Structure formats: C-alpha cells, structure tokens
Amino acid sequence: GTRTRVLSDPPAAGVARCLVRINKPSTTMGGHHHANPEAEPRRDQDLQSLADAKVPLAFRDTCGHLLVPLNKCRRTSWWSPNQCGHERHTYEECLYNSYLQR
C-alpha cells in the first residue's frame, strides 16, 4: 500500500505544506488480502468422498475438497445468497491460488 506523509519543512518558499507519497511494499497477499491456509490447493484429493458428495467430475480439481462443505451449506440454507460467505470465499480463493500456481 501507499502512505502519505506531510513534511514540516517545505522544499520551496511560499509552500505551506508538501505531501510526499511513500511507496511501501505490502506484506500481505494482494495488497489488502490475508493469507488463508484453508484455501491452499491440494493435489491429493479423496476421490471417494467427492463421489459420495456427488461433486460433478468437472469440479473434482485441486479445490474440490472445499466444494463439499460449500455445497452442504448451500443445500441447508436453500441457496440463500447471504449465507455460506466464508465457505464461498475460501473456495474462490483456492481457485485463485490454483490459477497462480499454474
């Protein structure tokens, strides 16, 4: 992120204040992102548990293990759009991390 600092000693005469931008590298992912260890893609999937949860073959990728609790939450909440936010965010973050690893 960037920060703005006000210098008390202006470089030019007649200028009351001088704003200087300081570029500071971010220590977290994506600028305003915190690393989520749950959202790590896994290559060793339990294919039997994905089959038991009736996850379609197209979604049995490195993030399929996160789709099982997400779909379970979706079914119990009748696909309410304001429910299952954490599970959905974790699944989408896993897909993004999987994309970055390619």
N, C-alpha and C. Protein backbone atom coordinates (compact mmCIF):
# COMPACT_ATOMS: atom_id res chain seq x y z
N GLY A 1 0.81 -1.16 0.00
CA GLY A 1 0.00 0.00 0.00
C GLY A 1 0.86 1.23 0.00
N THR A 2 0.25 2.35 -0.17
CA THR A 2 0.98 3.61 -0.16
C THR A 2 0.50 4.43 1.02
N ARG A 3 1.40 5.24 1.53
CA ARG A 3 1.06 6.14 2.63
C ARG A 3 1.44 7.55 2.20
N THR A 4 0.79 8.53 2.80
CA THR A 4 1.10 9.93 2.53
C THR A 4 1.66 10.54 3.81
N ARG A 5 2.75 11.27 3.68
CA ARG A 5 3.37 11.89 4.83
C ARG A 5 3.48 13.38 4.56
N VAL A 6 3.19 14.20 5.57
CA VAL A 6 3.29 15.64 5.44
C VAL A 6 4.66 16.06 5.96
N LEU A 7 5.41 16.73 5.11
CA LEU A 7 6.72 17.22 5.53
C LEU A 7 6.55 18.58 6.21
N SER A 8 7.18 18.76 7.35
CA SER A 8 7.06 20.03 8.06
C SER A 8 8.01 21.08 7.49
N ASP A 9 9.00 20.64 6.75
CA ASP A 9 9.99 21.56 6.18
C ASP A 9 9.79 21.59 4.67
N PRO A 10 9.03 22.56 4.14
CA PRO A 10 8.75 22.57 2.69
C PRO A 10 10.01 22.85 1.88
N PRO A 11 10.15 22.19 0.73
CA PRO A 11 11.34 22.38 -0.08
C PRO A 11 11.38 23.73 -0.80
N ALA A 12 10.24 24.33 -1.07
CA ALA A 12 10.21 25.61 -1.80
C ALA A 12 9.59 26.69 -0.91
N ALA A 13 10.03 27.91 -1.11
CA ALA A 13 9.50 29.02 -0.32
C ALA A 13 8.06 29.30 -0.74
N GLY A 14 7.23 29.66 0.22
CA GLY A 14 5.85 30.00 -0.06
C GLY A 14 4.91 28.81 -0.05
N VAL A 15 5.41 27.61 0.13
CA VAL A 15 4.57 26.42 0.19
C VAL A 15 4.37 26.07 1.66
N ALA A 16 3.12 26.04 2.08
CA ALA A 16 2.85 25.78 3.49
C ALA A 16 3.12 24.33 3.86
N ARG A 17 2.69 23.42 3.03
CA ARG A 17 2.90 22.00 3.30
C ARG A 17 3.23 21.29 2.00
N CYS A 18 3.92 20.21 2.12
CA CYS A 18 4.29 19.42 0.96
C CYS A 18 3.91 17.97 1.24
N LEU A 19 3.12 17.38 0.37
CA LEU A 19 2.74 15.99 0.52
C LEU A 19 3.67 15.11 -0.30
N VAL A 20 4.19 14.09 0.32
CA VAL A 20 5.10 13.17 -0.34
C VAL A 20 4.50 11.78 -0.25
N ARG A 21 4.44 11.09 -1.39
CA ARG A 21 3.93 9.72 -1.40
C ARG A 21 5.07 8.76 -1.15
N ILE A 22 4.84 7.84 -0.25
CA ILE A 22 5.83 6.83 0.08
C ILE A 22 5.28 5.49 -0.38
N ASN A 23 5.97 4.82 -1.29
CA ASN A 23 5.56 3.51 -1.75
C ASN A 23 6.17 2.47 -0.82
N LYS A 24 5.32 1.77 -0.12
CA LYS A 24 5.76 0.75 0.81
C LYS A 24 5.22 -0.59 0.32
N PRO A 25 6.07 -1.58 0.12
CA PRO A 25 5.57 -2.87 -0.34
C PRO A 25 4.67 -3.50 0.71
N SER A 26 3.62 -4.12 0.24
CA SER A 26 2.66 -4.75 1.13
C SER A 26 3.23 -6.07 1.64
N THR A 27 2.91 -6.41 2.89
CA THR A 27 3.39 -7.66 3.47
C THR A 27 2.36 -8.78 3.36
N THR A 28 1.16 -8.48 2.87
CA THR A 28 0.13 -9.50 2.72
C THR A 28 -0.15 -9.73 1.23
N MET A 29 -0.85 -10.81 0.94
CA MET A 29 -1.17 -11.14 -0.44
C MET A 29 -2.15 -10.14 -1.03
N GLY A 30 -1.96 -9.72 -2.25
CA GLY A 30 -2.94 -8.92 -2.96
C GLY A 30 -3.18 -7.55 -2.38
N GLY A 31 -2.31 -7.03 -1.57
CA GLY A 31 -2.48 -5.70 -1.02
C GLY A 31 -3.33 -5.67 0.22
N HIS A 32 -4.58 -6.04 0.11
CA HIS A 32 -5.48 -6.00 1.26
C HIS A 32 -5.97 -7.40 1.62
N HIS A 33 -5.16 -8.39 1.33
CA HIS A 33 -5.53 -9.78 1.50
C HIS A 33 -4.71 -10.40 2.62
N HIS A 34 -5.29 -11.26 3.38
CA HIS A 34 -4.55 -12.02 4.38
C HIS A 34 -4.50 -13.46 3.92
N ALA A 35 -3.38 -14.10 4.11
CA ALA A 35 -3.21 -15.47 3.66
C ALA A 35 -4.15 -16.38 4.44
N ASN A 36 -4.86 -17.23 3.75
CA ASN A 36 -5.80 -18.17 4.34
C ASN A 36 -5.27 -19.58 4.13
N PRO A 37 -4.80 -20.23 5.20
CA PRO A 37 -4.23 -21.58 5.00
C PRO A 37 -5.26 -22.61 4.55
N GLU A 38 -6.55 -22.35 4.79
CA GLU A 38 -7.59 -23.29 4.33
C GLU A 38 -7.72 -23.28 2.82
N ALA A 39 -7.30 -22.20 2.17
CA ALA A 39 -7.53 -22.04 0.73
C ALA A 39 -6.36 -22.53 -0.11
N GLU A 40 -5.58 -23.43 0.41
CA GLU A 40 -4.46 -23.97 -0.35
C GLU A 40 -4.95 -25.11 -1.24
N PRO A 41 -4.61 -25.07 -2.52
CA PRO A 41 -4.99 -26.19 -3.41
C PRO A 41 -4.26 -27.47 -3.01
N ARG A 42 -4.99 -28.58 -3.07
CA ARG A 42 -4.40 -29.88 -2.71
C ARG A 42 -4.49 -30.82 -3.91
N ARG A 43 -3.39 -31.48 -4.20
CA ARG A 43 -3.39 -32.43 -5.31
C ARG A 43 -3.87 -33.81 -4.86
N ASP A 44 -3.76 -34.10 -3.58
CA ASP A 44 -4.18 -35.41 -3.08
C ASP A 44 -5.62 -35.32 -2.56
N GLN A 45 -6.56 -35.50 -3.47
CA GLN A 45 -7.98 -35.43 -3.13
C GLN A 45 -8.50 -36.83 -2.81
N ASP A 46 -9.44 -36.88 -1.88
CA ASP A 46 -10.13 -38.13 -1.59
C ASP A 46 -11.28 -38.26 -2.60
N LEU A 47 -11.02 -38.98 -3.66
CA LEU A 47 -11.98 -39.08 -4.75
C LEU A 47 -13.27 -39.76 -4.33
N GLN A 48 -13.19 -40.68 -3.37
CA GLN A 48 -14.39 -41.37 -2.90
C GLN A 48 -15.32 -40.41 -2.16
N SER A 49 -14.75 -39.52 -1.34
CA SER A 49 -15.60 -38.56 -0.62
C SER A 49 -16.21 -37.54 -1.58
N LEU A 50 -15.48 -37.19 -2.64
CA LEU A 50 -16.05 -36.30 -3.65
C LEU A 50 -17.18 -36.99 -4.42
N ALA A 51 -17.02 -38.28 -4.69
CA ALA A 51 -18.07 -39.04 -5.38
C ALA A 51 -19.28 -39.20 -4.47
N ASP A 52 -19.05 -39.45 -3.16
CA ASP A 52 -20.16 -39.59 -2.22
C ASP A 52 -20.94 -38.29 -2.07
N ALA A 53 -20.25 -37.17 -2.18
CA ALA A 53 -20.89 -35.86 -2.07
C ALA A 53 -21.52 -35.43 -3.40
N LYS A 54 -21.39 -36.27 -4.41
CA LYS A 54 -21.96 -36.02 -5.74
C LYS A 54 -21.43 -34.73 -6.37
N VAL A 55 -20.13 -34.52 -6.20
CA VAL A 55 -19.46 -33.39 -6.86
C VAL A 55 -19.26 -33.77 -8.32
N PRO A 56 -19.71 -32.94 -9.27
CA PRO A 56 -19.52 -33.28 -10.69
C PRO A 56 -18.05 -33.44 -11.04
N LEU A 57 -17.77 -34.28 -12.03
CA LEU A 57 -16.39 -34.56 -12.42
C LEU A 57 -15.63 -33.30 -12.80
N ALA A 58 -16.28 -32.33 -13.40
CA ALA A 58 -15.61 -31.10 -13.83
C ALA A 58 -15.09 -30.29 -12.65
N PHE A 59 -15.64 -30.49 -11.45
CA PHE A 59 -15.23 -29.73 -10.28
C PHE A 59 -14.33 -30.50 -9.33
N ARG A 60 -13.93 -31.71 -9.71
CA ARG A 60 -13.05 -32.51 -8.85
C ARG A 60 -11.59 -32.18 -9.15
N ASP A 61 -11.24 -30.94 -8.92
CA ASP A 61 -9.88 -30.47 -9.17
C ASP A 61 -9.15 -30.29 -7.84
N THR A 62 -8.16 -29.43 -7.81
CA THR A 62 -7.36 -29.25 -6.60
C THR A 62 -8.12 -28.53 -5.49
N CYS A 63 -9.28 -27.97 -5.79
CA CYS A 63 -10.09 -27.28 -4.78
C CYS A 63 -11.40 -28.01 -4.51
N GLY A 64 -11.53 -29.22 -4.99
CA GLY A 64 -12.77 -29.98 -4.81
C GLY A 64 -13.07 -30.27 -3.36
N HIS A 65 -12.03 -30.39 -2.53
CA HIS A 65 -12.25 -30.68 -1.11
C HIS A 65 -12.99 -29.54 -0.41
N LEU A 66 -12.92 -28.33 -0.94
CA LEU A 66 -13.64 -27.19 -0.36
C LEU A 66 -15.06 -27.06 -0.89
N LEU A 67 -15.33 -27.71 -2.00
CA LEU A 67 -16.66 -27.65 -2.58
C LEU A 67 -17.66 -28.51 -1.81
N VAL A 68 -17.18 -29.53 -1.12
CA VAL A 68 -18.08 -30.40 -0.35
C VAL A 68 -18.75 -29.62 0.79
N PRO A 69 -18.02 -28.93 1.68
CA PRO A 69 -18.72 -28.16 2.72
C PRO A 69 -19.51 -26.97 2.17
N LEU A 70 -19.05 -26.39 1.06
CA LEU A 70 -19.78 -25.27 0.46
C LEU A 70 -21.14 -25.73 -0.06
N ASN A 71 -21.16 -26.85 -0.78
CA ASN A 71 -22.43 -27.36 -1.30
C ASN A 71 -23.35 -27.82 -0.18
N LYS A 72 -22.78 -28.37 0.88
CA LYS A 72 -23.58 -28.78 2.03
C LYS A 72 -24.25 -27.56 2.67
N CYS A 73 -23.49 -26.49 2.83
CA CYS A 73 -24.04 -25.25 3.38
C CYS A 73 -25.10 -24.67 2.45
N ARG A 74 -24.85 -24.73 1.15
CA ARG A 74 -25.82 -24.21 0.19
C ARG A 74 -27.14 -24.98 0.27
N ARG A 75 -27.05 -26.31 0.39
CA ARG A 75 -28.28 -27.10 0.45
C ARG A 75 -29.06 -26.84 1.74
N THR A 76 -28.36 -26.69 2.87
CA THR A 76 -29.07 -26.47 4.14
C THR A 76 -29.68 -25.07 4.22
N SER A 77 -29.11 -24.11 3.49
CA SER A 77 -29.64 -22.74 3.53
C SER A 77 -30.53 -22.43 2.33
N TRP A 78 -30.87 -23.43 1.54
CA TRP A 78 -31.71 -23.27 0.36
C TRP A 78 -31.12 -22.24 -0.60
N TRP A 79 -29.82 -22.29 -0.81
CA TRP A 79 -29.08 -21.44 -1.75
C TRP A 79 -29.31 -19.95 -1.48
N SER A 80 -29.42 -19.60 -0.21
CA SER A 80 -29.59 -18.20 0.17
C SER A 80 -28.32 -17.43 -0.19
N PRO A 81 -28.43 -16.30 -0.88
CA PRO A 81 -27.24 -15.59 -1.33
C PRO A 81 -26.43 -14.95 -0.21
N ASN A 82 -27.03 -14.74 0.97
CA ASN A 82 -26.28 -14.11 2.06
C ASN A 82 -25.81 -15.12 3.10
N GLN A 83 -25.84 -16.39 2.76
CA GLN A 83 -25.31 -17.44 3.63
C GLN A 83 -24.06 -18.04 2.99
N CYS A 84 -23.29 -18.77 3.73
CA CYS A 84 -22.13 -19.53 3.23
C CYS A 84 -21.05 -18.62 2.66
N GLY A 85 -20.95 -17.41 3.13
CA GLY A 85 -19.97 -16.46 2.60
C GLY A 85 -18.54 -16.90 2.83
N HIS A 86 -18.25 -17.42 4.03
CA HIS A 86 -16.88 -17.83 4.33
C HIS A 86 -16.47 -19.02 3.46
N GLU A 87 -17.37 -19.99 3.33
CA GLU A 87 -17.06 -21.17 2.53
C GLU A 87 -16.86 -20.79 1.07
N ARG A 88 -17.72 -19.92 0.55
CA ARG A 88 -17.60 -19.50 -0.85
C ARG A 88 -16.31 -18.72 -1.07
N HIS A 89 -15.97 -17.82 -0.14
CA HIS A 89 -14.74 -17.04 -0.29
C HIS A 89 -13.51 -17.94 -0.24
N THR A 90 -13.52 -18.91 0.66
CA THR A 90 -12.39 -19.84 0.76
C THR A 90 -12.24 -20.65 -0.52
N TYR A 91 -13.36 -21.12 -1.08
CA TYR A 91 -13.32 -21.89 -2.33
C TYR A 91 -12.81 -21.03 -3.48
N GLU A 92 -13.31 -19.81 -3.60
CA GLU A 92 -12.87 -18.93 -4.69
C GLU A 92 -11.41 -18.52 -4.52
N GLU A 93 -10.97 -18.34 -3.28
CA GLU A 93 -9.56 -18.02 -3.05
C GLU A 93 -8.67 -19.20 -3.41
N CYS A 94 -9.14 -20.41 -3.15
CA CYS A 94 -8.40 -21.60 -3.54
C CYS A 94 -8.28 -21.69 -5.05
N LEU A 95 -9.37 -21.38 -5.76
CA LEU A 95 -9.31 -21.38 -7.23
C LEU A 95 -8.31 -20.35 -7.73
N TYR A 96 -8.27 -19.19 -7.11
CA TYR A 96 -7.32 -18.15 -7.50
C TYR A 96 -5.88 -18.60 -7.22
N ASN A 97 -5.66 -19.21 -6.05
CA ASN A 97 -4.31 -19.69 -5.74
C ASN A 97 -3.90 -20.81 -6.69
N SER A 98 -4.85 -21.65 -7.07
CA SER A 98 -4.56 -22.71 -8.05
C SER A 98 -4.18 -22.10 -9.40
N TYR A 99 -4.87 -21.03 -9.78
CA TYR A 99 -4.55 -20.33 -11.03
C TYR A 99 -3.15 -19.74 -10.97
N LEU A 100 -2.77 -19.18 -9.82
CA LEU A 100 -1.44 -18.59 -9.69
C LEU A 100 -0.34 -19.63 -9.74
N GLN A 101 -0.62 -20.85 -9.32
CA GLN A 101 0.40 -21.91 -9.32
C GLN A 101 0.66 -22.48 -10.71
N ARG A 102 -0.26 -22.26 -11.64
CA ARG A 102 -0.08 -22.81 -13.00
C ARG A 102 0.98 -22.09 -13.77
